Structures are given as structure tokens and as C-alpha cells.
Amino acid sequence: VAGIGRCDIQFHQWCDQVGIKTPHAKLITTSNSVAGRGVFAEGDINEGTPVIIIPEYLVLHDYNAALNFPHVAKELEKKRSRYYNNLNK
């Protein structure tokens, strides 16, 4: 496919292997994205429709960050506390 490089193919294969699904979007390399890659809708998307499905074990959050990156978990917890404290003011 024109415009798709080896890295793109490997990335898409990895997404398939780990269970990332993009039912209403396309992951592409493009100069239209600040980072050179982007997620683009393939059509109109209704509110509440999943665009990208990422298995929870791939998402970095304070629970799994604490296992491998304790300093990151502490920072996430501080930010969460500040956020909730600001909501309650």
C-alpha cells in the first residue's frame, strides 16, 4: 500500500496482537498530525460510539504504574488529589 512504511505495518501488527481495535478510526502516518501519526475518523461517529478500544492492561494508570514506576504513581495520585480537592471547592 502506497504511503505505508515498515514501521506502520509493524505498529498495526502490534495493535492486532495486543487487542487494540479501531472500529471507526484509522491509525495513519501523515504530515497532518503534529507527531507524524494520528487517529482519524473514517466517517461520522455518533455520540457514545467506541472509536478506539484499548485493553485495560495497556493503559498506564496509577495502579499499574505503582508496580513499575512508583514515582509516576505518586505524581498521578498527587494530581488526582488536587483535582478532586478543586472540584469540592
PDB file of N, CA and C in Angstrom:
ATOM      1  N   VAL A   1       0.852  -1.183   0.000  1.00  0.00           N
ATOM      2  CA  VAL A   1       0.000   0.000   0.000  1.00  0.00           C
ATOM      3  C   VAL A   1       0.892   1.239   0.000  1.00  0.00           C
ATOM      4  N   ALA A   2       0.630   2.148  -0.908  1.00  0.00           N
ATOM      5  CA  ALA A   2       1.450   3.351  -1.022  1.00  0.00           C
ATOM      6  C   ALA A   2       1.335   4.201   0.231  1.00  0.00           C
ATOM      7  N   GLY A   3       2.460   4.756   0.677  1.00  0.00           N
ATOM      8  CA  GLY A   3       2.466   5.639   1.818  1.00  0.00           C
ATOM      9  C   GLY A   3       2.569   4.934   3.159  1.00  0.00           C
ATOM     10  N   ILE A   4       2.513   3.624   3.157  1.00  0.00           N
ATOM     11  CA  ILE A   4       2.622   2.877   4.410  1.00  0.00           C
ATOM     12  C   ILE A   4       4.002   2.250   4.480  1.00  0.00           C
ATOM     13  N   GLY A   5       4.746   2.596   5.524  1.00  0.00           N
ATOM     14  CA  GLY A   5       6.101   2.089   5.685  1.00  0.00           C
ATOM     15  C   GLY A   5       6.150   0.861   6.579  1.00  0.00           C
ATOM     16  N   ARG A   6       7.339   0.314   6.705  1.00  0.00           N
ATOM     17  CA  ARG A   6       7.563  -0.882   7.518  1.00  0.00           C
ATOM     18  C   ARG A   6       7.147  -0.649   8.970  1.00  0.00           C
ATOM     19  N   CYS A   7       7.478   0.531   9.511  1.00  0.00           N
ATOM     20  CA  CYS A   7       7.113   0.838  10.901  1.00  0.00           C
ATOM     21  C   CYS A   7       5.596   0.868  11.083  1.00  0.00           C
ATOM     22  N   ASP A   8       4.882   1.402  10.093  1.00  0.00           N
ATOM     23  CA  ASP A   8       3.418   1.423  10.167  1.00  0.00           C
ATOM     24  C   ASP A   8       2.868   0.000  10.196  1.00  0.00           C
ATOM     25  N   ILE A   9       3.399  -0.843   9.349  1.00  0.00           N
ATOM     26  CA  ILE A   9       2.942  -2.239   9.289  1.00  0.00           C
ATOM     27  C   ILE A   9       3.206  -2.936  10.618  1.00  0.00           C
ATOM     28  N   GLN A  10       4.390  -2.725  11.174  1.00  0.00           N
ATOM     29  CA  GLN A  10       4.720  -3.331  12.469  1.00  0.00           C
ATOM     30  C   GLN A  10       3.808  -2.813  13.574  1.00  0.00           C
ATOM     31  N   PHE A  11       3.523  -1.517  13.556  1.00  0.00           N
ATOM     32  CA  PHE A  11       2.649  -0.935  14.569  1.00  0.00           C
ATOM     33  C   PHE A  11       1.250  -1.535  14.478  1.00  0.00           C
ATOM     34  N   HIS A  12       0.725  -1.652  13.278  1.00  0.00           N
ATOM     35  CA  HIS A  12      -0.613  -2.219  13.087  1.00  0.00           C
ATOM     36  C   HIS A  12      -0.637  -3.688  13.510  1.00  0.00           C
ATOM     37  N   GLN A  13       0.424  -4.421  13.222  1.00  0.00           N
ATOM     38  CA  GLN A  13       0.506  -5.816  13.655  1.00  0.00           C
ATOM     39  C   GLN A  13       0.510  -5.893  15.180  1.00  0.00           C
ATOM     40  N   TRP A  14       1.277  -5.017  15.826  1.00  0.00           N
ATOM     41  CA  TRP A  14       1.314  -4.987  17.282  1.00  0.00           C
ATOM     42  C   TRP A  14      -0.069  -4.682  17.842  1.00  0.00           C
ATOM     43  N   CYS A  15      -0.755  -3.702  17.273  1.00  0.00           N
ATOM     44  CA  CYS A  15      -2.107  -3.370  17.728  1.00  0.00           C
ATOM     45  C   CYS A  15      -3.016  -4.591  17.642  1.00  0.00           C
ATOM     46  N   ASP A  16      -2.939  -5.309  16.545  1.00  0.00           N
ATOM     47  CA  ASP A  16      -3.741  -6.530  16.389  1.00  0.00           C
ATOM     48  C   ASP A  16      -3.382  -7.566  17.446  1.00  0.00           C
ATOM     49  N   GLN A  17      -2.091  -7.749  17.679  1.00  0.00           N
ATOM     50  CA  GLN A  17      -1.621  -8.768  18.628  1.00  0.00           C
ATOM     51  C   GLN A  17      -2.059  -8.485  20.056  1.00  0.00           C
ATOM     52  N   VAL A  18      -2.077  -7.225  20.459  1.00  0.00           N
ATOM     53  CA  VAL A  18      -2.397  -6.886  21.849  1.00  0.00           C
ATOM     54  C   VAL A  18      -3.879  -6.569  22.052  1.00  0.00           C
ATOM     55  N   GLY A  19      -4.654  -6.551  20.995  1.00  0.00           N
ATOM     56  CA  GLY A  19      -6.098  -6.370  21.131  1.00  0.00           C
ATOM     57  C   GLY A  19      -6.608  -4.955  20.988  1.00  0.00           C
ATOM     58  N   ILE A  20      -5.803  -4.049  20.450  1.00  0.00           N
ATOM     59  CA  ILE A  20      -6.288  -2.693  20.191  1.00  0.00           C
ATOM     60  C   ILE A  20      -7.158  -2.744  18.945  1.00  0.00           C
ATOM     61  N   LYS A  21      -8.363  -2.212  19.071  1.00  0.00           N
ATOM     62  CA  LYS A  21      -9.316  -2.204  17.958  1.00  0.00           C
ATOM     63  C   LYS A  21      -9.649  -0.762  17.594  1.00  0.00           C
ATOM     64  N   THR A  22      -9.786  -0.510  16.326  1.00  0.00           N
ATOM     65  CA  THR A  22     -10.167   0.822  15.848  1.00  0.00           C
ATOM     66  C   THR A  22     -11.366   0.683  14.907  1.00  0.00           C
ATOM     67  N   PRO A  23     -12.554   0.388  15.476  1.00  0.00           N
ATOM     68  CA  PRO A  23     -13.704   0.115  14.619  1.00  0.00           C
ATOM     69  C   PRO A  23     -14.187   1.296  13.777  1.00  0.00           C
ATOM     70  N   HIS A  24     -13.926   2.511  14.232  1.00  0.00           N
ATOM     71  CA  HIS A  24     -14.414   3.683  13.487  1.00  0.00           C
ATOM     72  C   HIS A  24     -13.318   4.709  13.233  1.00  0.00           C
ATOM     73  N   ALA A  25     -12.069   4.258  13.273  1.00  0.00           N
ATOM     74  CA  ALA A  25     -10.962   5.175  13.059  1.00  0.00           C
ATOM     75  C   ALA A  25      -9.824   4.447  12.368  1.00  0.00           C
ATOM     76  N   LYS A  26      -8.893   5.241  11.877  1.00  0.00           N
ATOM     77  CA  LYS A  26      -7.734   4.719  11.180  1.00  0.00           C
ATOM     78  C   LYS A  26      -6.485   5.322  11.812  1.00  0.00           C
ATOM     79  N   LEU A  27      -5.497   4.480  12.087  1.00  0.00           N
ATOM     80  CA  LEU A  27      -4.206   4.956  12.586  1.00  0.00           C
ATOM     81  C   LEU A  27      -3.295   5.092  11.378  1.00  0.00           C
ATOM     82  N   ILE A  28      -2.834   6.318  11.115  1.00  0.00           N
ATOM     83  CA  ILE A  28      -2.008   6.518   9.919  1.00  0.00           C
ATOM     84  C   ILE A  28      -0.837   7.460  10.189  1.00  0.00           C
ATOM     85  N   THR A  29       0.181   7.314   9.373  1.00  0.00           N
ATOM     86  CA  THR A  29       1.299   8.247   9.361  1.00  0.00           C
ATOM     87  C   THR A  29       0.941   9.343   8.364  1.00  0.00           C
ATOM     88  N   THR A  30       1.061  10.593   8.816  1.00  0.00           N
ATOM     89  CA  THR A  30       0.664  11.696   7.965  1.00  0.00           C
ATOM     90  C   THR A  30       1.312  12.997   8.421  1.00  0.00           C
ATOM     91  N   SER A  31       1.514  13.874   7.516  1.00  0.00           N
ATOM     92  CA  SER A  31       2.024  15.198   7.874  1.00  0.00           C
ATOM     93  C   SER A  31       0.912  16.067   8.467  1.00  0.00           C
ATOM     94  N   ASN A  32      -0.339  15.588   8.440  1.00  0.00           N
ATOM     95  CA  ASN A  32      -1.462  16.318   9.027  1.00  0.00           C
ATOM     96  C   ASN A  32      -1.498  16.204  10.546  1.00  0.00           C
ATOM     97  N   SER A  33      -0.604  15.403  11.107  1.00  0.00           N
ATOM     98  CA  SER A  33      -0.557  15.219  12.554  1.00  0.00           C
ATOM     99  C   SER A  33       0.725  15.845  13.088  1.00  0.00           C
ATOM    100  N   VAL A  34       0.643  16.474  14.244  1.00  0.00           N
ATOM    101  CA  VAL A  34       1.798  17.124  14.846  1.00  0.00           C
ATOM    102  C   VAL A  34       2.923  16.116  15.087  1.00  0.00           C
ATOM    103  N   ALA A  35       2.562  14.921  15.548  1.00  0.00           N
ATOM    104  CA  ALA A  35       3.561  13.903  15.885  1.00  0.00           C
ATOM    105  C   ALA A  35       3.917  13.003  14.702  1.00  0.00           C
ATOM    106  N   GLY A  36       3.277  13.222  13.557  1.00  0.00           N
ATOM    107  CA  GLY A  36       3.587  12.403  12.389  1.00  0.00           C
ATOM    108  C   GLY A  36       2.692  11.191  12.248  1.00  0.00           C
ATOM    109  N   ARG A  37       1.985  10.838  13.309  1.00  0.00           N
ATOM    110  CA  ARG A  37       0.998   9.761  13.265  1.00  0.00           C
ATOM    111  C   ARG A  37      -0.269  10.293  13.894  1.00  0.00           C
ATOM    112  N   GLY A  38      -1.384   9.742  13.486  1.00  0.00           N
ATOM    113  CA  GLY A  38      -2.623  10.213  14.075  1.00  0.00           C
ATOM    114  C   GLY A  38      -3.732   9.204  13.968  1.00  0.00           C
ATOM    115  N   VAL A  39      -4.806   9.481  14.669  1.00  0.00           N
ATOM    116  CA  VAL A  39      -6.019   8.678  14.639  1.00  0.00           C
ATOM    117  C   VAL A  39      -7.076   9.531  13.959  1.00  0.00           C
ATOM    118  N   PHE A  40      -7.633   9.016  12.901  1.00  0.00           N
ATOM    119  CA  PHE A  40      -8.585   9.780  12.111  1.00  0.00           C
ATOM    120  C   PHE A  40      -9.871   8.999  11.932  1.00  0.00           C
ATOM    121  N   ALA A  41     -10.996   9.686  12.103  1.00  0.00           N
ATOM    122  CA  ALA A  41     -12.303   9.066  11.912  1.00  0.00           C
ATOM    123  C   ALA A  41     -12.458   8.649  10.455  1.00  0.00           C
ATOM    124  N   GLU A  42     -13.143   7.537  10.259  1.00  0.00           N
ATOM    125  CA  GLU A  42     -13.394   7.060   8.896  1.00  0.00           C
ATOM    126  C   GLU A  42     -14.789   7.455   8.410  1.00  0.00           C
ATOM    127  N   GLY A  43     -15.468   8.237   9.186  1.00  0.00           N
ATOM    128  CA  GLY A  43     -16.813   8.684   8.830  1.00  0.00           C
ATOM    129  C   GLY A  43     -17.429   9.374  10.025  1.00  0.00           C
ATOM    130  N   ASP A  44     -18.712   9.642   9.936  1.00  0.00           N
ATOM    131  CA  ASP A  44     -19.419  10.256  11.059  1.00  0.00           C
ATOM    132  C   ASP A  44     -19.471   9.268  12.218  1.00  0.00           C
ATOM    133  N   ILE A  45     -19.317   9.779  13.423  1.00  0.00           N
ATOM    134  CA  ILE A  45     -19.335   8.946  14.619  1.00  0.00           C
ATOM    135  C   ILE A  45     -20.408   9.485  15.550  1.00  0.00           C
ATOM    136  N   ASN A  46     -21.322   8.621  15.915  1.00  0.00           N
ATOM    137  CA  ASN A  46     -22.387   9.014  16.838  1.00  0.00           C
ATOM    138  C   ASN A  46     -21.854   9.078  18.259  1.00  0.00           C
ATOM    139  N   GLU A  47     -22.418   9.986  19.054  1.00  0.00           N
ATOM    140  CA  GLU A  47     -22.024  10.105  20.454  1.00  0.00           C
ATOM    141  C   GLU A  47     -22.198   8.753  21.146  1.00  0.00           C
ATOM    142  N   GLY A  48     -21.198   8.370  21.933  1.00  0.00           N
ATOM    143  CA  GLY A  48     -21.244   7.106  22.661  1.00  0.00           C
ATOM    144  C   GLY A  48     -20.699   5.914  21.901  1.00  0.00           C
ATOM    145  N   THR A  49     -20.373   6.101  20.631  1.00  0.00           N
ATOM    146  CA  THR A  49     -19.820   5.011  19.824  1.00  0.00           C
ATOM    147  C   THR A  49     -18.334   4.876  20.108  1.00  0.00           C
ATOM    148  N   PRO A  50     -17.873   3.661  20.447  1.00  0.00           N
ATOM    149  CA  PRO A  50     -16.430   3.483  20.662  1.00  0.00           C
ATOM    150  C   PRO A  50     -15.653   3.751  19.368  1.00  0.00           C
ATOM    151  N   VAL A  51     -14.637   4.568  19.473  1.00  0.00           N
ATOM    152  CA  VAL A  51     -13.798   4.883  18.323  1.00  0.00           C
ATOM    153  C   VAL A  51     -12.556   4.011  18.362  1.00  0.00           C
ATOM    154  N   ILE A  52     -11.964   3.904  19.543  1.00  0.00           N
ATOM    155  CA  ILE A  52     -10.787   3.069  19.757  1.00  0.00           C
ATOM    156  C   ILE A  52     -11.023   2.264  21.025  1.00  0.00           C
ATOM    157  N   ILE A  53     -10.698   0.976  20.973  1.00  0.00           N
ATOM    158  CA  ILE A  53     -10.836   0.113  22.137  1.00  0.00           C
ATOM    159  C   ILE A  53      -9.437  -0.356  22.520  1.00  0.00           C
ATOM    160  N   ILE A  54      -9.008   0.012  23.731  1.00  0.00           N
ATOM    161  CA  ILE A  54      -7.667  -0.330  24.217  1.00  0.00           C
ATOM    162  C   ILE A  54      -7.832  -1.199  25.458  1.00  0.00           C
ATOM    163  N   PRO A  55      -7.277  -2.417  25.450  1.00  0.00           N
ATOM    164  CA  PRO A  55      -7.369  -3.264  26.642  1.00  0.00           C
ATOM    165  C   PRO A  55      -6.783  -2.560  27.863  1.00  0.00           C
ATOM    166  N   GLU A  56      -7.419  -2.757  29.006  1.00  0.00           N
ATOM    167  CA  GLU A  56      -7.012  -2.041  30.219  1.00  0.00           C
ATOM    168  C   GLU A  56      -5.556  -2.292  30.591  1.00  0.00           C
ATOM    169  N   TYR A  57      -5.052  -3.492  30.326  1.00  0.00           N
ATOM    170  CA  TYR A  57      -3.676  -3.783  30.731  1.00  0.00           C
ATOM    171  C   TYR A  57      -2.648  -2.950  29.963  1.00  0.00           C
ATOM    172  N   LEU A  58      -3.059  -2.306  28.882  1.00  0.00           N
ATOM    173  CA  LEU A  58      -2.150  -1.448  28.115  1.00  0.00           C
ATOM    174  C   LEU A  58      -2.198   0.008  28.553  1.00  0.00           C
ATOM    175  N   VAL A  59      -3.179   0.355  29.348  1.00  0.00           N
ATOM    176  CA  VAL A  59      -3.359   1.734  29.767  1.00  0.00           C
ATOM    177  C   VAL A  59      -2.539   1.986  31.029  1.00  0.00           C
ATOM    178  N   LEU A  60      -1.741   3.033  31.013  1.00  0.00           N
ATOM    179  CA  LEU A  60      -0.947   3.401  32.179  1.00  0.00           C
ATOM    180  C   LEU A  60      -1.827   4.182  33.144  1.00  0.00           C
ATOM    181  N   HIS A  61      -2.021   3.648  34.331  1.00  0.00           N
ATOM    182  CA  HIS A  61      -2.750   4.344  35.375  1.00  0.00           C
ATOM    183  C   HIS A  61      -2.033   4.109  36.693  1.00  0.00           C
ATOM    184  N   ASP A  62      -2.490   4.745  37.740  1.00  0.00           N
ATOM    185  CA  ASP A  62      -1.747   4.694  38.998  1.00  0.00           C
ATOM    186  C   ASP A  62      -1.578   3.287  39.544  1.00  0.00           C
ATOM    187  N   TYR A  63      -2.517   2.394  39.301  1.00  0.00           N
ATOM    188  CA  TYR A  63      -2.420   1.044  39.847  1.00  0.00           C
ATOM    189  C   TYR A  63      -1.263   0.260  39.233  1.00  0.00           C
ATOM    190  N   ASN A  64      -1.171   0.268  37.893  1.00  0.00           N
ATOM    191  CA  ASN A  64      -0.067  -0.487  37.285  1.00  0.00           C
ATOM    192  C   ASN A  64       1.220   0.321  37.244  1.00  0.00           C
ATOM    193  N   ALA A  65       1.122   1.636  37.308  1.00  0.00           N
ATOM    194  CA  ALA A  65       2.333   2.459  37.350  1.00  0.00           C
ATOM    195  C   ALA A  65       3.096   2.201  38.638  1.00  0.00           C
ATOM    196  N   ALA A  66       2.349   1.984  39.720  1.00  0.00           N
ATOM    197  CA  ALA A  66       2.986   1.760  41.019  1.00  0.00           C
ATOM    198  C   ALA A  66       3.872   0.525  41.007  1.00  0.00           C
ATOM    199  N   LEU A  67       3.524  -0.455  40.192  1.00  0.00           N
ATOM    200  CA  LEU A  67       4.319  -1.679  40.123  1.00  0.00           C
ATOM    201  C   LEU A  67       5.688  -1.451  39.493  1.00  0.00           C
ATOM    202  N   ASN A  68       5.722  -0.681  38.425  1.00  0.00           N
ATOM    203  CA  ASN A  68       6.954  -0.496  37.668  1.00  0.00           C
ATOM    204  C   ASN A  68       7.544   0.900  37.741  1.00  0.00           C
ATOM    205  N   PHE A  69       6.700   1.870  38.040  1.00  0.00           N
ATOM    206  CA  PHE A  69       7.130   3.271  38.073  1.00  0.00           C
ATOM    207  C   PHE A  69       6.554   3.943  39.302  1.00  0.00           C
ATOM    208  N   PRO A  70       7.044   3.607  40.502  1.00  0.00           N
ATOM    209  CA  PRO A  70       6.435   4.156  41.724  1.00  0.00           C
ATOM    210  C   PRO A  70       6.416   5.682  41.769  1.00  0.00           C
ATOM    211  N   HIS A  71       7.434   6.337  41.216  1.00  0.00           N
ATOM    212  CA  HIS A  71       7.452   7.804  41.227  1.00  0.00           C
ATOM    213  C   HIS A  71       6.339   8.379  40.349  1.00  0.00           C
ATOM    214  N   VAL A  72       6.020   7.691  39.256  1.00  0.00           N
ATOM    215  CA  VAL A  72       4.925   8.140  38.385  1.00  0.00           C
ATOM    216  C   VAL A  72       3.599   7.984  39.124  1.00  0.00           C
ATOM    217  N   ALA A  73       3.425   6.860  39.816  1.00  0.00           N
ATOM    218  CA  ALA A  73       2.190   6.621  40.566  1.00  0.00           C
ATOM    219  C   ALA A  73       1.976   7.700  41.621  1.00  0.00           C
ATOM    220  N   LYS A  74       3.048   8.095  42.308  1.00  0.00           N
ATOM    221  CA  LYS A  74       2.930   9.141  43.331  1.00  0.00           C
ATOM    222  C   LYS A  74       2.485  10.461  42.710  1.00  0.00           C
ATOM    223  N   GLU A  75       3.054  10.796  41.558  1.00  0.00           N
ATOM    224  CA  GLU A  75       2.676  12.047  40.886  1.00  0.00           C
ATOM    225  C   GLU A  75       1.225  11.990  40.419  1.00  0.00           C
ATOM    226  N   LEU A  76       0.796  10.835  39.894  1.00  0.00           N
ATOM    227  CA  LEU A  76      -0.595  10.701  39.475  1.00  0.00           C
ATOM    228  C   LEU A  76      -1.539  10.869  40.665  1.00  0.00           C
ATOM    229  N   GLU A  77      -1.173  10.284  41.786  1.00  0.00           N
ATOM    230  CA  GLU A  77      -2.004  10.388  42.981  1.00  0.00           C
ATOM    231  C   GLU A  77      -2.075  11.835  43.470  1.00  0.00           C
ATOM    232  N   LYS A  78      -0.966  12.559  43.445  1.00  0.00           N
ATOM    233  CA  LYS A  78      -0.963  13.973  43.845  1.00  0.00           C
ATOM    234  C   LYS A  78      -1.892  14.794  42.945  1.00  0.00           C
ATOM    235  N   LYS A  79      -1.779  14.549  41.641  1.00  0.00           N
ATOM    236  CA  LYS A  79      -2.599  15.306  40.691  1.00  0.00           C
ATOM    237  C   LYS A  79      -4.075  14.965  40.853  1.00  0.00           C
ATOM    238  N   ARG A  80      -4.365  13.689  41.095  1.00  0.00           N
ATOM    239  CA  ARG A  80      -5.750  13.291  41.299  1.00  0.00           C
ATOM    240  C   ARG A  80      -6.302  13.962  42.558  1.00  0.00           C
ATOM    241  N   SER A  81      -5.527  13.972  43.623  1.00  0.00           N
ATOM    242  CA  SER A  81      -5.967  14.600  44.874  1.00  0.00           C
ATOM    243  C   SER A  81      -6.238  16.084  44.670  1.00  0.00           C
ATOM    244  N   ARG A  82      -5.322  16.772  43.975  1.00  0.00           N
ATOM    245  CA  ARG A  82      -5.519  18.204  43.699  1.00  0.00           C
ATOM    246  C   ARG A  82      -6.779  18.430  42.870  1.00  0.00           C
ATOM    247  N   TYR A  83      -6.979  17.568  41.877  1.00  0.00           N
ATOM    248  CA  TYR A  83      -8.153  17.695  41.003  1.00  0.00           C
ATOM    249  C   TYR A  83      -9.436  17.561  41.817  1.00  0.00           C
ATOM    250  N   TYR A  84      -9.531  16.500  42.624  1.00  0.00           N
ATOM    251  CA  TYR A  84     -10.743  16.295  43.420  1.00  0.00           C
ATOM    252  C   TYR A  84     -10.916  17.355  44.497  1.00  0.00           C
ATOM    253  N   ASN A  85      -9.820  17.829  45.059  1.00  0.00           N
ATOM    254  CA  ASN A  85      -9.913  18.916  46.040  1.00  0.00           C
ATOM    255  C   ASN A  85     -10.469  20.180  45.396  1.00  0.00           C
ATOM    256  N   ASN A  86     -10.045  20.464  44.167  1.00  0.00           N
ATOM    257  CA  ASN A  86     -10.535  21.648  43.445  1.00  0.00           C
ATOM    258  C   ASN A  86     -12.013  21.499  43.084  1.00  0.00           C
ATOM    259  N   LEU A  87     -12.461  20.289  42.811  1.00  0.00           N
ATOM    260  CA  LEU A  87     -13.878  20.066  42.494  1.00  0.00           C
ATOM    261  C   LEU A  87     -14.768  20.338  43.693  1.00  0.00           C
ATOM    262  N   ASN A  88     -14.254  20.046  44.863  1.00  0.00           N
ATOM    263  CA  ASN A  88     -15.052  20.187  46.078  1.00  0.00           C
ATOM    264  C   ASN A  88     -15.058  21.599  46.653  1.00  0.00           C
ATOM    265  N   LYS A  89     -14.391  22.537  45.987  1.00  0.00           N
ATOM    266  CA  LYS A  89     -14.347  23.926  46.496  1.00  0.00           C
ATOM    267  C   LYS A  89     -15.542  24.703  46.026  1.00  0.00           C
TER     268      LYS A  89
END
